[in-house]
Protein backbone atom coordinates (compact mmCIF):
# COMPACT_ATOMS: atom_id res chain seq x y z
CA MET A 1 4.42 -1.89 4.27
CA LYS A 2 7.50 -2.58 6.08
CA THR A 3 10.44 -4.12 4.16
CA GLY A 4 11.14 -7.77 6.00
CA ARG A 5 7.25 -7.87 6.80
CA LYS A 6 5.65 -11.10 5.80
CA VAL A 7 2.86 -11.76 3.71
CA LYS A 8 0.41 -13.63 2.91
CA ILE A 9 -0.31 -14.51 -0.48
CA PRO A 10 -3.81 -15.76 -0.62
CA ASP A 11 -3.83 -19.31 -2.23
CA ILE A 12 -0.42 -19.97 -2.36
CA GLY A 13 0.44 -21.67 0.77
CA PRO A 14 4.05 -20.01 2.11
CA LEU A 15 4.43 -17.11 3.22
CA ALA A 16 6.38 -14.66 1.06
CA THR A 17 8.45 -11.55 2.20
CA VAL A 18 8.42 -7.30 1.73
CA VAL A 19 11.96 -6.52 -0.01
CA GLN A 20 10.38 -2.70 -1.36
CA SER A 21 7.73 -1.00 -0.82
CA GLY A 22 5.82 1.18 -2.93
CA ARG A 23 3.20 3.16 -3.87
CA ASN A 24 0.70 0.20 -4.42
CA MET A 25 2.42 -2.57 -5.15
CA VAL A 26 4.93 -3.99 -2.87
CA LYS A 27 8.10 -6.47 -4.35
CA LEU A 28 7.66 -9.59 -2.56
CA GLU A 29 10.33 -12.56 -2.25
CA LEU A 30 8.89 -16.02 -2.11
CA GLU A 31 11.23 -18.93 -2.83
CA GLY A 32 13.87 -17.81 -3.91
CA GLU A 33 12.02 -16.13 -6.63
CA GLN A 34 11.63 -11.86 -6.64
CA PHE A 35 8.33 -10.58 -8.03
CA TRP A 36 6.15 -7.12 -7.79
CA MET A 37 2.74 -7.57 -6.86
CA PRO A 38 -0.66 -4.95 -5.81
CA VAL A 39 -0.57 -4.62 -2.19
CA GLU A 40 -4.72 -5.15 -2.65
CA LEU A 41 -4.14 -8.59 -2.80
CA LEU A 42 -2.29 -9.44 0.32
CA GLU A 43 -2.88 -9.99 3.53
CA VAL A 44 -0.20 -8.67 6.22
CA GLU A 45 0.02 -11.82 9.01
CA GLU A 46 -0.61 -11.09 12.72
CA LYS A 47 2.73 -11.01 14.81
CA GLU A 48 3.09 -13.35 17.27
CA VAL A 49 2.31 -13.35 20.66
CA ALA A 50 4.55 -14.68 23.24
């Protein structure tokens, strides 16, 4: 998963930003906090088509 990509954590409102990508985990930033989360728990947001 690319750094800077916006992802959705189910049941949490705002989108999180990928800060660092690992094998099965990604480091996310959400509202000023950074934490690691398993990739399988995330939903990737689709890019808007203009």
